[in-house]
N, C-alpha and C. Protein backbone atom coordinates (compact mmCIF):
# COMPACT_ATOMS: atom_id res chain seq x y z
N MET A 1 0.88 -1.22 -0.05
CA MET A 1 0.00 -0.01 0.09
C MET A 1 0.77 1.21 0.06
N ARG A 2 1.75 1.17 0.73
CA ARG A 2 2.91 2.35 0.93
C ARG A 2 3.36 2.61 -0.50
N PHE A 3 3.76 1.49 -1.22
CA PHE A 3 4.34 1.86 -2.76
C PHE A 3 3.25 2.54 -3.53
N VAL A 4 1.98 2.08 -3.50
CA VAL A 4 1.20 2.70 -4.41
C VAL A 4 0.86 4.12 -3.88
N ARG A 5 0.77 4.54 -2.77
CA ARG A 5 0.73 5.75 -2.30
C ARG A 5 1.81 6.69 -2.87
N TRP A 6 3.13 6.03 -2.99
CA TRP A 6 4.20 7.03 -3.55
C TRP A 6 4.12 7.06 -4.97
N LEU A 7 3.33 6.06 -5.61
CA LEU A 7 3.08 6.09 -7.20
C LEU A 7 1.95 7.17 -7.35
N LEU A 8 1.18 7.48 -6.47
CA LEU A 8 0.00 8.31 -6.76
C LEU A 8 0.40 9.85 -6.49
N VAL A 9 1.69 10.15 -6.04
CA VAL A 9 2.00 11.51 -5.65
C VAL A 9 2.11 12.47 -7.10
N LEU A 10 2.99 11.78 -8.04
CA LEU A 10 3.05 12.64 -9.28
C LEU A 10 1.91 12.75 -9.98
N PRO A 11 0.86 11.67 -10.19
CA PRO A 11 -0.35 12.01 -10.77
C PRO A 11 -1.24 13.00 -10.01
N ALA A 12 -1.18 12.98 -8.64
CA ALA A 12 -1.87 14.07 -8.00
C ALA A 12 -1.35 15.33 -8.28
N ILE A 13 -0.10 15.65 -8.63
CA ILE A 13 0.39 17.06 -8.88
C ILE A 13 0.05 17.26 -10.15
N ALA A 14 0.07 16.25 -11.14
CA ALA A 14 -0.46 16.69 -12.61
C ALA A 14 -2.00 16.88 -12.50
N VAL A 15 -2.98 16.19 -11.73
CA VAL A 15 -4.13 16.77 -11.68
C VAL A 15 -4.31 17.97 -11.13
N SER A 16 -3.52 18.43 -10.15
CA SER A 16 -3.82 19.70 -9.68
C SER A 16 -3.31 20.88 -10.75
N ILE A 17 -2.29 20.58 -11.75
CA ILE A 17 -1.94 21.49 -12.57
C ILE A 17 -3.15 21.52 -13.57
N ALA A 18 -3.75 20.53 -14.02
CA ALA A 18 -4.80 20.38 -15.03
C ALA A 18 -6.02 21.13 -14.33
N VAL A 19 -6.32 21.00 -13.12
CA VAL A 19 -7.29 21.65 -12.46
C VAL A 19 -7.08 23.24 -12.55
N GLY A 20 -5.93 23.70 -12.31
CA GLY A 20 -5.56 25.13 -12.36
C GLY A 20 -5.80 25.70 -13.81
N VAL A 21 -5.25 25.03 -14.86
CA VAL A 21 -5.31 25.26 -16.14
C VAL A 21 -6.80 25.48 -16.67
N LEU A 22 -7.67 24.40 -16.36
CA LEU A 22 -8.88 24.40 -16.59
C LEU A 22 -9.53 25.58 -16.15
N LEU A 23 -9.47 26.02 -14.73
CA LEU A 23 -10.15 27.00 -14.09
C LEU A 23 -9.67 28.16 -14.78
N SER A 24 -8.44 28.44 -15.20
CA SER A 24 -7.89 29.45 -15.86
C SER A 24 -8.53 29.75 -17.11
N PHE A 25 -8.76 28.88 -17.99
CA PHE A 25 -9.36 28.74 -19.31
C PHE A 25 -10.95 28.97 -19.14
N THR A 26 -11.50 28.46 -18.19
CA THR A 26 -12.79 28.67 -18.07
C THR A 26 -13.25 30.24 -17.61
N LEU A 27 -12.31 30.57 -16.76
CA LEU A 27 -12.59 32.12 -16.39
C LEU A 27 -12.21 33.00 -17.42
N LEU A 28 -11.34 32.76 -18.17
CA LEU A 28 -11.01 33.47 -19.39
C LEU A 28 -12.05 33.59 -20.37
N GLY A 29 -12.79 32.24 -20.68
CA GLY A 29 -13.81 32.32 -21.41
C GLY A 29 -15.00 33.15 -21.02
N VAL A 30 -15.13 33.20 -19.63
CA VAL A 30 -16.21 34.05 -19.15
C VAL A 30 -15.88 35.57 -19.21
N ALA A 31 -14.52 35.87 -18.98
CA ALA A 31 -14.15 37.41 -19.22
C ALA A 31 -14.24 37.76 -20.83
N LEU A 32 -14.13 36.83 -21.59
CA LEU A 32 -14.23 37.12 -22.98
C LEU A 32 -15.61 37.37 -23.40
N ARG A 33 -16.55 36.58 -22.80
CA ARG A 33 -18.01 36.98 -22.89
C ARG A 33 -18.51 38.34 -22.48
N GLY A 34 -17.63 38.97 -21.36
CA GLY A 34 -18.00 40.18 -20.78
C GLY A 34 -17.40 41.63 -21.87
N CYS A 35 -16.47 40.96 -22.78
CA CYS A 35 -15.85 41.96 -23.75
C CYS A 35 -16.96 42.57 -24.46
N PRO A 36 -16.79 43.94 -24.63
CA PRO A 36 -17.85 44.70 -25.52
C PRO A 36 -17.61 44.18 -26.99
N ALA A 37 -18.84 44.26 -27.66
CA ALA A 37 -18.79 43.77 -29.13
C ALA A 37 -17.89 44.54 -30.02
N GLY A 38 -17.52 45.77 -29.91
CA GLY A 38 -16.79 46.31 -30.62
C GLY A 38 -15.27 46.19 -30.48
N SER A 39 -14.86 45.54 -29.14
CA SER A 39 -13.68 45.35 -28.69
C SER A 39 -13.23 43.97 -29.07
N ARG A 40 -14.11 43.01 -29.51
CA ARG A 40 -13.76 41.59 -29.65
C ARG A 40 -13.08 41.51 -31.04
N GLU A 41 -11.94 40.85 -31.15
CA GLU A 41 -11.17 40.41 -32.35
C GLU A 41 -10.88 39.02 -32.28
N ALA A 42 -11.56 38.24 -33.05
CA ALA A 42 -11.16 36.68 -33.32
C ALA A 42 -11.57 36.23 -31.94
N ALA A 43 -10.42 35.69 -31.26
CA ALA A 43 -10.65 35.06 -29.95
C ALA A 43 -10.03 35.95 -28.81
N ALA A 44 -9.89 37.30 -28.98
CA ALA A 44 -9.27 37.89 -28.17
C ALA A 44 -10.02 39.25 -27.85
N CYS A 45 -9.80 39.92 -26.90
CA CYS A 45 -10.59 41.22 -26.49
C CYS A 45 -9.60 42.29 -26.29
N ALA A 46 -9.83 43.47 -27.02
CA ALA A 46 -9.03 44.62 -26.93
C ALA A 46 -9.56 45.68 -25.91
N ALA A 47 -10.41 45.26 -25.03
CA ALA A 47 -10.79 46.29 -24.07
C ALA A 47 -9.47 46.51 -23.00
N SER A 48 -9.58 47.71 -22.46
CA SER A 48 -8.50 48.37 -21.81
C SER A 48 -8.39 47.40 -20.49
N TRP A 49 -9.63 46.80 -19.98
CA TRP A 49 -9.29 46.17 -18.69
C TRP A 49 -9.04 44.64 -18.81
N PHE A 50 -8.93 44.14 -20.11
CA PHE A 50 -8.81 42.68 -20.39
C PHE A 50 -7.42 42.24 -19.88
N PRO A 51 -6.34 42.96 -20.31
CA PRO A 51 -4.94 42.41 -19.92
C PRO A 51 -4.76 42.22 -18.43
N GLN A 52 -5.48 43.08 -17.52
CA GLN A 52 -5.19 43.10 -16.09
C GLN A 52 -6.10 41.85 -15.66
N ALA A 53 -7.26 41.65 -16.29
CA ALA A 53 -8.18 40.56 -15.81
C ALA A 53 -7.49 39.40 -16.40
N GLU A 54 -6.82 39.31 -17.36
CA GLU A 54 -6.22 37.90 -17.88
C GLU A 54 -5.06 37.67 -17.00
N VAL A 55 -4.19 38.49 -16.58
CA VAL A 55 -3.03 38.35 -15.64
C VAL A 55 -3.79 37.89 -14.22
N ALA A 56 -4.72 38.45 -13.72
CA ALA A 56 -5.38 38.18 -12.54
C ALA A 56 -6.07 36.79 -12.42
N ILE A 57 -6.50 36.46 -13.56
CA ILE A 57 -7.06 35.01 -13.76
C ILE A 57 -5.94 33.99 -13.79
N ASP A 58 -4.94 34.26 -14.50
CA ASP A 58 -3.72 33.32 -14.72
C ASP A 58 -3.21 33.18 -13.31
N ALA A 59 -3.15 34.31 -12.42
CA ALA A 59 -2.59 34.07 -11.04
C ALA A 59 -3.52 33.19 -9.98
N LEU A 60 -4.82 33.49 -10.27
CA LEU A 60 -5.78 32.64 -9.59
C LEU A 60 -5.50 31.09 -9.90
N GLY A 61 -5.48 30.78 -11.20
CA GLY A 61 -5.25 29.43 -11.72
C GLY A 61 -4.11 28.95 -11.02
N SER A 62 -2.93 29.53 -11.17
CA SER A 62 -1.75 29.07 -10.50
C SER A 62 -1.79 28.91 -9.15
N ALA A 63 -2.46 29.88 -8.46
CA ALA A 63 -2.62 29.66 -7.08
C ALA A 63 -3.55 28.44 -6.76
N VAL A 64 -4.56 28.15 -7.32
CA VAL A 64 -5.31 27.00 -7.10
C VAL A 64 -4.41 25.77 -7.55
N ALA A 65 -3.65 25.87 -8.64
CA ALA A 65 -2.78 24.57 -8.92
C ALA A 65 -1.76 24.55 -7.86
N GLY A 66 -1.30 25.59 -7.21
CA GLY A 66 -0.16 25.26 -6.10
C GLY A 66 -0.70 24.82 -4.88
N PHE A 67 -1.84 25.29 -4.54
CA PHE A 67 -2.59 24.86 -3.21
C PHE A 67 -2.90 23.49 -3.54
N LEU A 68 -3.64 23.07 -4.53
CA LEU A 68 -3.97 21.54 -4.70
C LEU A 68 -2.70 20.85 -4.70
N GLY A 69 -1.70 21.09 -5.65
CA GLY A 69 -0.57 20.34 -5.67
C GLY A 69 0.05 19.98 -4.36
N VAL A 70 0.24 20.87 -3.61
CA VAL A 70 1.01 20.68 -2.27
C VAL A 70 0.03 19.96 -1.13
N ALA A 71 -1.35 20.41 -1.29
CA ALA A 71 -2.40 19.68 -0.42
C ALA A 71 -2.40 18.18 -0.92
N LEU A 72 -2.68 17.73 -2.09
CA LEU A 72 -2.73 16.48 -2.53
C LEU A 72 -1.46 15.64 -2.18
N ALA A 73 -0.22 16.31 -2.55
CA ALA A 73 0.98 15.48 -2.28
C ALA A 73 1.22 15.43 -0.75
N MET A 74 0.88 16.28 -0.06
CA MET A 74 1.07 15.94 1.47
C MET A 74 0.01 14.96 1.83
N ALA A 75 -1.05 15.05 1.47
CA ALA A 75 -2.14 14.16 1.88
C ALA A 75 -1.81 12.55 1.46
N ILE A 76 -1.28 12.43 0.29
CA ILE A 76 -1.04 11.15 -0.24
C ILE A 76 0.25 10.46 0.15
N ALA A 77 1.22 11.33 0.19
CA ALA A 77 2.57 10.88 0.60
C ALA A 77 2.51 10.04 1.93
N PRO A 78 3.18 8.92 2.07
CA PRO A 78 3.01 8.02 3.27
C PRO A 78 4.23 8.55 4.08
N ALA A 79 5.12 9.31 3.78
CA ALA A 79 6.36 9.73 4.66
C ALA A 79 7.11 10.96 4.04
N HIS A 80 7.71 11.64 4.89
CA HIS A 80 8.61 12.92 4.44
C HIS A 80 7.71 13.75 3.75
N ARG A 81 6.61 14.16 4.58
CA ARG A 81 5.42 15.20 3.82
C ARG A 81 6.02 16.45 3.67
N ARG A 82 6.72 17.02 4.41
CA ARG A 82 7.38 18.47 4.23
C ARG A 82 8.21 18.30 2.97
N ALA A 83 9.14 17.46 2.70
CA ALA A 83 9.94 17.40 1.46
C ALA A 83 9.04 17.24 0.26
N VAL A 84 8.10 16.44 0.42
CA VAL A 84 7.20 16.21 -0.71
C VAL A 84 6.43 17.33 -1.02
N ALA A 85 6.11 18.08 -0.03
CA ALA A 85 5.25 19.38 -0.27
C ALA A 85 6.20 20.43 -1.01
N VAL A 86 7.25 20.47 -0.57
CA VAL A 86 8.40 21.52 -1.33
C VAL A 86 8.61 21.19 -2.66
N ILE A 87 8.71 19.76 -3.04
CA ILE A 87 9.00 19.30 -4.23
C ILE A 87 7.73 19.50 -5.10
N ALA A 88 6.48 19.05 -4.64
CA ALA A 88 5.43 19.48 -5.34
C ALA A 88 5.14 20.96 -5.64
N ALA A 89 5.54 21.89 -4.61
CA ALA A 89 5.58 23.27 -5.11
C ALA A 89 6.49 23.68 -5.94
N PHE A 90 7.40 23.24 -6.05
CA PHE A 90 8.72 23.52 -7.50
C PHE A 90 8.02 22.87 -8.50
N CYS A 91 7.38 21.76 -8.56
CA CYS A 91 6.84 21.03 -9.66
C CYS A 91 5.76 21.83 -10.25
N VAL A 92 4.82 22.42 -9.52
CA VAL A 92 3.59 23.06 -9.83
C VAL A 92 4.13 24.56 -10.43
N LEU A 93 5.14 25.29 -9.80
CA LEU A 93 5.51 26.31 -10.37
C LEU A 93 6.31 26.21 -11.50
N ALA A 94 7.08 25.09 -11.72
CA ALA A 94 7.92 24.90 -12.86
C ALA A 94 6.86 24.67 -14.13
N ALA A 95 5.89 23.87 -13.67
CA ALA A 95 4.89 23.71 -14.92
C ALA A 95 4.01 24.97 -15.06
N ALA A 96 3.65 25.63 -14.22
CA ALA A 96 2.88 26.93 -14.36
C ALA A 96 3.86 28.06 -15.21
N SER A 97 5.09 28.01 -15.00
CA SER A 97 5.90 28.90 -15.66
C SER A 97 6.09 28.45 -17.01
N ALA A 98 6.09 27.21 -17.22
CA ALA A 98 6.16 26.63 -18.82
C ALA A 98 4.89 26.88 -19.44
N ILE A 99 3.82 26.72 -18.86
CA ILE A 99 2.46 27.06 -19.44
C ILE A 99 2.37 28.48 -19.90
N LEU A 100 2.66 29.35 -18.91
CA LEU A 100 2.47 30.79 -18.94
C LEU A 100 3.39 31.28 -20.01
N VAL A 101 4.61 30.74 -20.13
CA VAL A 101 5.65 31.18 -21.27
C VAL A 101 4.97 30.77 -22.70
N LEU A 102 4.36 29.48 -22.61
CA LEU A 102 3.89 29.18 -23.87
C LEU A 102 2.63 30.09 -24.37
N LEU A 103 1.90 30.50 -23.25
CA LEU A 103 0.74 31.44 -23.50
C LEU A 103 1.23 32.84 -23.78
N ALA A 104 2.57 33.20 -23.61
CA ALA A 104 2.87 34.57 -23.64
C ALA A 104 2.28 35.48 -22.72
N VAL A 105 2.07 35.10 -21.29
CA VAL A 105 1.43 35.77 -20.36
C VAL A 105 2.68 36.40 -19.48
N PRO A 106 2.75 37.68 -18.99
CA PRO A 106 3.77 38.00 -18.17
C PRO A 106 3.70 37.24 -16.87
N LEU A 107 5.16 36.88 -16.47
CA LEU A 107 5.02 35.94 -15.64
C LEU A 107 5.14 36.23 -13.96
N PRO A 108 5.60 37.43 -13.65
CA PRO A 108 5.73 37.73 -12.37
C PRO A 108 4.36 37.60 -11.44
N LEU A 109 3.19 37.95 -11.65
CA LEU A 109 2.14 37.88 -10.84
C LEU A 109 1.61 36.65 -10.84
N PRO A 110 1.45 35.86 -11.94
CA PRO A 110 0.79 34.52 -11.73
C PRO A 110 1.93 33.55 -11.02
N LEU A 111 3.01 33.77 -11.15
CA LEU A 111 4.10 32.86 -10.55
C LEU A 111 4.07 33.29 -8.91
N LEU A 112 3.69 34.66 -8.64
CA LEU A 112 3.47 34.87 -7.18
C LEU A 112 2.34 34.17 -6.54
N GLY A 113 1.31 34.20 -7.51
CA GLY A 113 -0.03 33.47 -7.13
C GLY A 113 0.32 32.26 -6.76
N GLY A 114 0.94 31.47 -7.62
CA GLY A 114 1.21 29.95 -7.40
C GLY A 114 2.12 29.68 -6.26
N ALA A 115 3.10 30.73 -5.96
CA ALA A 115 3.87 30.63 -4.62
C ALA A 115 2.89 30.74 -3.52
N ALA A 116 2.00 31.76 -3.48
CA ALA A 116 1.16 32.08 -2.59
C ALA A 116 0.13 30.76 -2.16
N GLY A 117 -0.25 30.37 -3.32
CA GLY A 117 -1.18 29.10 -3.21
C GLY A 117 -0.34 27.80 -2.51
N SER A 118 0.61 27.70 -3.04
CA SER A 118 1.64 26.52 -2.39
C SER A 118 1.84 26.74 -0.85
N ALA A 119 2.46 28.00 -0.72
CA ALA A 119 2.55 28.31 0.76
C ALA A 119 1.25 28.07 1.60
N LEU A 120 0.06 28.60 0.99
CA LEU A 120 -1.12 28.51 1.94
C LEU A 120 -1.53 27.17 2.14
N GLY A 121 -1.50 26.05 1.09
CA GLY A 121 -1.65 24.63 1.15
C GLY A 121 -0.61 24.16 2.28
N PHE A 122 0.53 24.58 2.16
CA PHE A 122 1.61 23.89 3.29
C PHE A 122 1.24 24.42 4.67
N ALA A 123 0.85 25.60 4.71
CA ALA A 123 0.49 26.28 6.01
C ALA A 123 -0.75 25.58 6.59
N VAL A 124 -1.75 25.24 5.79
CA VAL A 124 -3.12 24.85 6.21
C VAL A 124 -2.78 23.43 6.51
N LEU A 125 -2.12 22.54 5.85
CA LEU A 125 -2.01 21.23 6.10
C LEU A 125 -0.88 20.99 7.31
N ARG A 126 -0.02 21.89 7.42
CA ARG A 126 0.91 21.69 8.46
C ARG A 126 0.24 22.04 9.74
N ARG A 127 -0.61 23.00 9.85
CA ARG A 127 -1.26 23.37 11.00
C ARG A 127 -2.46 22.15 11.30
N ARG A 128 -2.99 21.59 10.39
CA ARG A 128 -3.78 20.53 10.55
C ARG A 128 -3.18 19.48 11.09
N ALA A 129 -2.04 19.12 10.84
CA ALA A 129 -1.36 17.89 11.25
C ALA A 129 -0.77 18.31 12.61
N MET A 130 -0.40 19.45 12.85
CA MET A 130 -0.12 19.82 14.16
C MET A 130 -1.31 19.67 15.25
N VAL A 131 -2.39 20.05 14.80
CA VAL A 131 -3.54 20.00 15.80
C VAL A 131 -3.81 18.49 15.86
N GLY A 132 -3.68 17.83 14.91
CA GLY A 132 -3.95 16.43 14.99
C GLY A 132 -3.04 15.60 15.87
N ALA A 133 -1.95 16.08 15.85
CA ALA A 133 -0.88 15.45 16.80
C ALA A 133 -0.98 15.69 18.14
N MET A 134 -1.76 16.97 18.57
CA MET A 134 -1.91 17.25 19.87
C MET A 134 -3.17 16.64 20.46
N ARG A 135 -4.11 16.02 19.75
CA ARG A 135 -5.33 15.29 20.26
C ARG A 135 -4.76 14.05 20.78
N PRO A 136 -5.48 13.74 21.86
CA PRO A 136 -5.20 12.33 22.56
C PRO A 136 -5.75 11.25 21.85
N ARG A 137 -4.99 10.15 21.79
CA ARG A 137 -5.29 9.00 20.97
C ARG A 137 -6.31 8.06 21.60
N PRO A 138 -7.32 7.57 21.17
CA PRO A 138 -8.21 6.71 22.16
C PRO A 138 -7.41 5.51 22.63
N GLY A 139 -7.79 5.41 23.90
CA GLY A 139 -7.16 4.32 24.76
C GLY A 139 -6.03 4.71 25.37
N ALA A 140 -5.32 5.79 24.98
CA ALA A 140 -4.04 6.22 25.74
C ALA A 140 -4.48 7.03 27.02
N SER A 141 -3.64 6.71 28.13
CA SER A 141 -3.79 7.59 29.29
C SER A 141 -3.44 8.89 29.18
N PRO A 142 -4.26 9.92 29.80
CA PRO A 142 -4.10 11.20 29.71
C PRO A 142 -2.50 11.82 30.08
N ASP A 143 -1.90 11.04 30.93
CA ASP A 143 -0.55 11.67 31.43
C ASP A 143 0.47 11.27 30.54
N ARG A 144 0.28 10.47 29.51
CA ARG A 144 1.40 10.15 28.48
C ARG A 144 1.84 11.32 27.58
């Protein structure tokens, strides 16, 4: 069972990246529908607000991918969870930067979003693990 859990860590990271990309594309489609008719050119929007919306949407998708990547990797890994979380964060950020370069999106804000999402996932799960470790185990005496 332990071996299977280790095998599932990388697909979990890939799924988190896919969820972030799908969320970004879905929100970009919604933003394109909000583009005024005179500003629409093929599959792009020439409205003045669209470039900022595009970068914000990419940052959100990157943050979701970072959070899910760290959260899933820490939840699935049978041991060395902190190290796995750091590796997952780097994998998600590397994939996000590659995708953003291919889409010709300015990198700093989306990568900061991915880093923030990864840090949030690490903090939430670390806190959860610390709280769980402080709970008494069933059947254990309270003085131990």
